[in-house]
PDB file of N, CA and C in Angstrom:
ATOM      1  N   MET A   1      93.481 -20.179 125.369  1.00  0.00           N
ATOM      2  CA  MET A   1      93.544 -20.088 123.967  1.00  0.00           C
ATOM      3  C   MET A   1      94.975 -19.726 123.522  1.00  0.00           C
ATOM      4  N   ILE A   2      95.555 -20.458 122.547  1.00  0.00           N
ATOM      5  CA  ILE A   2      96.877 -20.193 122.078  1.00  0.00           C
ATOM      6  C   ILE A   2      96.828 -19.072 121.050  1.00  0.00           C
ATOM      7  N   GLU A   3      97.799 -18.161 121.139  1.00  0.00           N
ATOM      8  CA  GLU A   3      97.901 -17.056 120.236  1.00  0.00           C
ATOM      9  C   GLU A   3      97.918 -17.577 118.767  1.00  0.00           C
ATOM     10  N   PRO A   4      97.121 -17.068 117.882  1.00  0.00           N
ATOM     11  CA  PRO A   4      97.167 -17.520 116.464  1.00  0.00           C
ATOM     12  C   PRO A   4      98.511 -17.431 115.869  1.00  0.00           C
ATOM     13  N   SER A   5      99.274 -16.407 116.171  1.00  0.00           N
ATOM     14  CA  SER A   5     100.642 -16.281 115.551  1.00  0.00           C
ATOM     15  C   SER A   5     101.577 -17.403 116.040  1.00  0.00           C
ATOM     16  N   LEU A   6     101.413 -17.818 117.272  1.00  0.00           N
ATOM     17  CA  LEU A   6     102.163 -18.878 117.790  1.00  0.00           C
ATOM     18  C   LEU A   6     101.703 -20.298 117.196  1.00  0.00           C
ATOM     19  N   LEU A   7     100.465 -20.462 117.064  1.00  0.00           N
ATOM     20  CA  LEU A   7      99.894 -21.673 116.475  1.00  0.00           C
ATOM     21  C   LEU A   7     100.401 -21.850 115.033  1.00  0.00           C
ATOM     22  N   GLU A   8     100.600 -20.778 114.347  1.00  0.00           N
ATOM     23  CA  GLU A   8     101.098 -20.865 112.945  1.00  0.00           C
ATOM     24  C   GLU A   8     102.446 -21.478 112.873  1.00  0.00           C
ATOM     25  N   ILE A   9     103.304 -21.225 113.849  1.00  0.00           N
ATOM     26  CA  ILE A   9     104.710 -21.728 113.712  1.00  0.00           C
ATOM     27  C   ILE A   9     104.954 -23.013 114.473  1.00  0.00           C
ATOM     28  N   LEU A  10     104.031 -23.430 115.332  1.00  0.00           N
ATOM     29  CA  LEU A  10     104.207 -24.708 116.039  1.00  0.00           C
ATOM     30  C   LEU A  10     103.985 -25.880 115.153  1.00  0.00           C
ATOM     31  N   ALA A  11     104.753 -26.942 115.337  1.00  0.00           N
ATOM     32  CA  ALA A  11     104.556 -28.136 114.578  1.00  0.00           C
ATOM     33  C   ALA A  11     104.802 -29.358 115.459  1.00  0.00           C
ATOM     34  N   CYS A  12     104.268 -30.465 115.079  1.00  0.00           N
ATOM     35  CA  CYS A  12     104.378 -31.754 115.788  1.00  0.00           C
ATOM     36  C   CYS A  12     105.883 -32.078 115.777  1.00  0.00           C
ATOM     37  N   PRO A  13     106.413 -32.326 116.993  1.00  0.00           N
ATOM     38  CA  PRO A  13     107.820 -32.786 117.057  1.00  0.00           C
ATOM     39  C   PRO A  13     108.127 -34.093 116.405  1.00  0.00           C
ATOM     40  N   LYS A  14     107.117 -34.939 116.265  1.00  0.00           N
ATOM     41  CA  LYS A  14     107.352 -36.263 115.706  1.00  0.00           C
ATOM     42  C   LYS A  14     107.336 -36.224 114.147  1.00  0.00           C
ATOM     43  N   CYS A  15     106.294 -35.629 113.549  1.00  0.00           N
ATOM     44  CA  CYS A  15     106.181 -35.714 112.088  1.00  0.00           C
ATOM     45  C   CYS A  15     106.294 -34.352 111.406  1.00  0.00           C
ATOM     46  N   HIS A  16     106.322 -33.275 112.191  1.00  0.00           N
ATOM     47  CA  HIS A  16     106.466 -31.873 111.676  1.00  0.00           C
ATOM     48  C   HIS A  16     105.241 -31.349 110.971  1.00  0.00           C
ATOM     49  N   SER A  17     104.097 -31.986 111.237  1.00  0.00           N
ATOM     50  CA  SER A  17     102.836 -31.490 110.698  1.00  0.00           C
ATOM     51  C   SER A  17     102.330 -30.339 111.555  1.00  0.00           C
ATOM     52  N   PRO A  18     101.447 -29.466 110.983  1.00  0.00           N
ATOM     53  CA  PRO A  18     100.864 -28.384 111.812  1.00  0.00           C
ATOM     54  C   PRO A  18     100.043 -28.990 112.911  1.00  0.00           C
ATOM     55  N   LEU A  19      99.817 -28.158 113.970  1.00  0.00           N
ATOM     56  CA  LEU A  19      98.981 -28.495 115.119  1.00  0.00           C
ATOM     57  C   LEU A  19      97.740 -27.717 115.146  1.00  0.00           C
ATOM     58  N   ARG A  20      96.614 -28.216 115.751  1.00  0.00           N
ATOM     59  CA  ARG A  20      95.395 -27.503 115.888  1.00  0.00           C
ATOM     60  C   ARG A  20      94.979 -27.601 117.378  1.00  0.00           C
ATOM     61  N   GLU A  21      94.229 -26.563 117.807  1.00  0.00           N
ATOM     62  CA  GLU A  21      93.739 -26.553 119.198  1.00  0.00           C
ATOM     63  C   GLU A  21      92.635 -27.555 119.361  1.00  0.00           C
ATOM     64  N   GLU A  22      92.667 -28.212 120.557  1.00  0.00           N
ATOM     65  CA  GLU A  22      91.600 -29.149 120.916  1.00  0.00           C
ATOM     66  C   GLU A  22      91.059 -28.787 122.293  1.00  0.00           C
ATOM     67  N   ASP A  23      89.820 -29.148 122.549  1.00  0.00           N
ATOM     68  CA  ASP A  23      89.280 -28.978 123.933  1.00  0.00           C
ATOM     69  C   ASP A  23      89.529 -27.625 124.533  1.00  0.00           C
ATOM     70  N   ALA A  24      89.122 -26.535 123.844  1.00  0.00           N
ATOM     71  CA  ALA A  24      89.234 -25.205 124.401  1.00  0.00           C
ATOM     72  C   ALA A  24      90.706 -24.910 124.821  1.00  0.00           C
ATOM     73  N   ALA A  25      91.671 -25.338 123.932  1.00  0.00           N
ATOM     74  CA  ALA A  25      93.091 -25.123 124.103  1.00  0.00           C
ATOM     75  C   ALA A  25      93.702 -25.818 125.333  1.00  0.00           C
ATOM     76  N   SER A  26      93.117 -26.863 125.767  1.00  0.00           N
ATOM     77  CA  SER A  26      93.771 -27.683 126.848  1.00  0.00           C
ATOM     78  C   SER A  26      94.764 -28.699 126.210  1.00  0.00           C
ATOM     79  N   ALA A  27      94.681 -28.714 124.890  1.00  0.00           N
ATOM     80  CA  ALA A  27      95.569 -29.686 124.145  1.00  0.00           C
ATOM     81  C   ALA A  27      95.748 -29.169 122.706  1.00  0.00           C
ATOM     82  N   LEU A  28      96.912 -29.594 122.102  1.00  0.00           N
ATOM     83  CA  LEU A  28      97.179 -29.361 120.665  1.00  0.00           C
ATOM     84  C   LEU A  28      97.272 -30.700 120.022  1.00  0.00           C
ATOM     85  N   ALA A  29      96.600 -30.874 118.934  1.00  0.00           N
ATOM     86  CA  ALA A  29      96.553 -32.121 118.197  1.00  0.00           C
ATOM     87  C   ALA A  29      97.242 -32.023 116.866  1.00  0.00           C
ATOM     88  N   CYS A  30      97.983 -33.056 116.527  1.00  0.00           N
ATOM     89  CA  CYS A  30      98.663 -33.138 115.237  1.00  0.00           C
ATOM     90  C   CYS A  30      97.601 -33.298 114.173  1.00  0.00           C
ATOM     91  N   THR A  31      97.805 -32.594 113.033  1.00  0.00           N
ATOM     92  CA  THR A  31      96.800 -32.657 111.899  1.00  0.00           C
ATOM     93  C   THR A  31      97.087 -33.880 111.009  1.00  0.00           C
ATOM     94  N   ASN A  32      98.141 -34.570 111.219  1.00  0.00           N
ATOM     95  CA  ASN A  32      98.478 -35.754 110.413  1.00  0.00           C
ATOM     96  C   ASN A  32      97.753 -36.944 110.979  1.00  0.00           C
ATOM     97  N   SER A  33      96.811 -37.513 110.258  1.00  0.00           N
ATOM     98  CA  SER A  33      96.012 -38.605 110.750  1.00  0.00           C
ATOM     99  C   SER A  33      96.808 -39.872 111.073  1.00  0.00           C
ATOM    100  N   GLU A  34      97.924 -40.068 110.466  1.00  0.00           N
ATOM    101  CA  GLU A  34      98.794 -41.234 110.728  1.00  0.00           C
ATOM    102  C   GLU A  34      99.557 -41.084 112.024  1.00  0.00           C
ATOM    103  N   CYS A  35      99.910 -39.889 112.363  1.00  0.00           N
ATOM    104  CA  CYS A  35     100.625 -39.545 113.606  1.00  0.00           C
ATOM    105  C   CYS A  35      99.632 -39.464 114.792  1.00  0.00           C
ATOM    106  N   ALA A  36      98.668 -38.503 114.643  1.00  0.00           N
ATOM    107  CA  ALA A  36      97.519 -38.337 115.570  1.00  0.00           C
ATOM    108  C   ALA A  36      97.918 -38.209 117.050  1.00  0.00           C
ATOM    109  N   LEU A  37      99.022 -37.581 117.330  1.00  0.00           N
ATOM    110  CA  LEU A  37      99.426 -37.304 118.711  1.00  0.00           C
ATOM    111  C   LEU A  37      98.718 -36.063 119.211  1.00  0.00           C
ATOM    112  N   VAL A  38      98.410 -36.081 120.513  1.00  0.00           N
ATOM    113  CA  VAL A  38      97.746 -34.925 121.167  1.00  0.00           C
ATOM    114  C   VAL A  38      98.688 -34.501 122.361  1.00  0.00           C
ATOM    115  N   TYR A  39      99.112 -33.222 122.265  1.00  0.00           N
ATOM    116  CA  TYR A  39     100.048 -32.674 123.235  1.00  0.00           C
ATOM    117  C   TYR A  39      99.304 -31.850 124.281  1.00  0.00           C
ATOM    118  N   PRO A  40      99.594 -32.023 125.543  1.00  0.00           N
ATOM    119  CA  PRO A  40      98.881 -31.196 126.586  1.00  0.00           C
ATOM    120  C   PRO A  40      99.334 -29.711 126.578  1.00  0.00           C
ATOM    121  N   VAL A  41      98.441 -28.899 127.036  1.00  0.00           N
ATOM    122  CA  VAL A  41      98.762 -27.453 127.324  1.00  0.00           C
ATOM    123  C   VAL A  41      98.566 -27.273 128.800  1.00  0.00           C
ATOM    124  N   ARG A  42      99.636 -26.902 129.494  1.00  0.00           N
ATOM    125  CA  ARG A  42      99.603 -26.682 130.923  1.00  0.00           C
ATOM    126  C   ARG A  42      99.858 -25.248 131.272  1.00  0.00           C
ATOM    127  N   ASP A  43      98.978 -24.612 131.976  1.00  0.00           N
ATOM    128  CA  ASP A  43      99.093 -23.240 132.339  1.00  0.00           C
ATOM    129  C   ASP A  43      99.381 -22.314 131.162  1.00  0.00           C
ATOM    130  N   GLY A  44      98.728 -22.678 130.001  1.00  0.00           N
ATOM    131  CA  GLY A  44      98.850 -21.851 128.777  1.00  0.00           C
ATOM    132  C   GLY A  44     100.124 -22.120 127.971  1.00  0.00           C
ATOM    133  N   ILE A  45     100.942 -23.113 128.416  1.00  0.00           N
ATOM    134  CA  ILE A  45     102.172 -23.482 127.727  1.00  0.00           C
ATOM    135  C   ILE A  45     102.080 -24.843 127.103  1.00  0.00           C
ATOM    136  N   PRO A  46     102.207 -24.906 125.754  1.00  0.00           N
ATOM    137  CA  PRO A  46     102.207 -26.219 125.130  1.00  0.00           C
ATOM    138  C   PRO A  46     103.385 -27.103 125.548  1.00  0.00           C
ATOM    139  N   VAL A  47     103.142 -28.314 125.889  1.00  0.00           N
ATOM    140  CA  VAL A  47     104.191 -29.290 126.232  1.00  0.00           C
ATOM    141  C   VAL A  47     104.412 -30.169 125.091  1.00  0.00           C
ATOM    142  N   LEU A  48     105.345 -29.818 124.204  1.00  0.00           N
ATOM    143  CA  LEU A  48     105.575 -30.514 122.947  1.00  0.00           C
ATOM    144  C   LEU A  48     106.666 -31.573 123.052  1.00  0.00           C
ATOM    145  N   LEU A  49     106.456 -32.444 124.019  1.00  0.00           N
ATOM    146  CA  LEU A  49     107.334 -33.578 124.253  1.00  0.00           C
ATOM    147  C   LEU A  49     106.651 -34.877 123.790  1.00  0.00           C
ATOM    148  N   ILE A  50     107.262 -35.630 122.939  1.00  0.00           N
ATOM    149  CA  ILE A  50     106.630 -36.843 122.449  1.00  0.00           C
ATOM    150  C   ILE A  50     106.267 -37.804 123.611  1.00  0.00           C
ATOM    151  N   ASP A  51     107.065 -37.884 124.621  1.00  0.00           N
ATOM    152  CA  ASP A  51     106.820 -38.691 125.752  1.00  0.00           C
ATOM    153  C   ASP A  51     105.592 -38.252 126.590  1.00  0.00           C
ATOM    154  N   GLU A  52     105.192 -36.978 126.442  1.00  0.00           N
ATOM    155  CA  GLU A  52     104.065 -36.464 127.196  1.00  0.00           C
ATOM    156  C   GLU A  52     102.733 -36.597 126.338  1.00  0.00           C
ATOM    157  N   ALA A  53     102.861 -36.882 125.046  1.00  0.00           N
ATOM    158  CA  ALA A  53     101.762 -36.844 124.137  1.00  0.00           C
ATOM    159  C   ALA A  53     100.957 -38.206 124.302  1.00  0.00           C
ATOM    160  N   THR A  54      99.632 -38.048 123.930  1.00  0.00           N
ATOM    161  CA  THR A  54      98.798 -39.268 123.917  1.00  0.00           C
ATOM    162  C   THR A  54      98.292 -39.449 122.469  1.00  0.00           C
ATOM    163  N   LYS A  55      97.813 -40.659 122.155  1.00  0.00           N
ATOM    164  CA  LYS A  55      97.280 -40.853 120.863  1.00  0.00           C
ATOM    165  C   LYS A  55      95.828 -40.446 120.842  1.00  0.00           C
ATOM    166  N   ALA A  56      95.423 -39.791 119.737  1.00  0.00           N
ATOM    167  CA  ALA A  56      94.048 -39.324 119.536  1.00  0.00           C
ATOM    168  C   ALA A  56      93.091 -40.471 119.504  1.00  0.00           C
ATOM    169  N   ALA A  57      91.922 -40.240 120.027  1.00  0.00           N
ATOM    170  CA  ALA A  57      90.881 -41.360 120.108  1.00  0.00           C
ATOM    171  C   ALA A  57      90.272 -41.613 118.724  1.00  0.00           C
TER     172      ALA A  57
END
């Protein structure tokens, strides 16, 4: 689980929209439906690299 205070300040690197937790914090998803990128969380650390992101299903 990502700390709520950290989640408040994190944003999508591509479109700068807020992120939300997905799949019990194993990923962070962009809240912008046009962007819809999902960033992995590895060992509790969000990997906010556009090249590492996948498109939401």
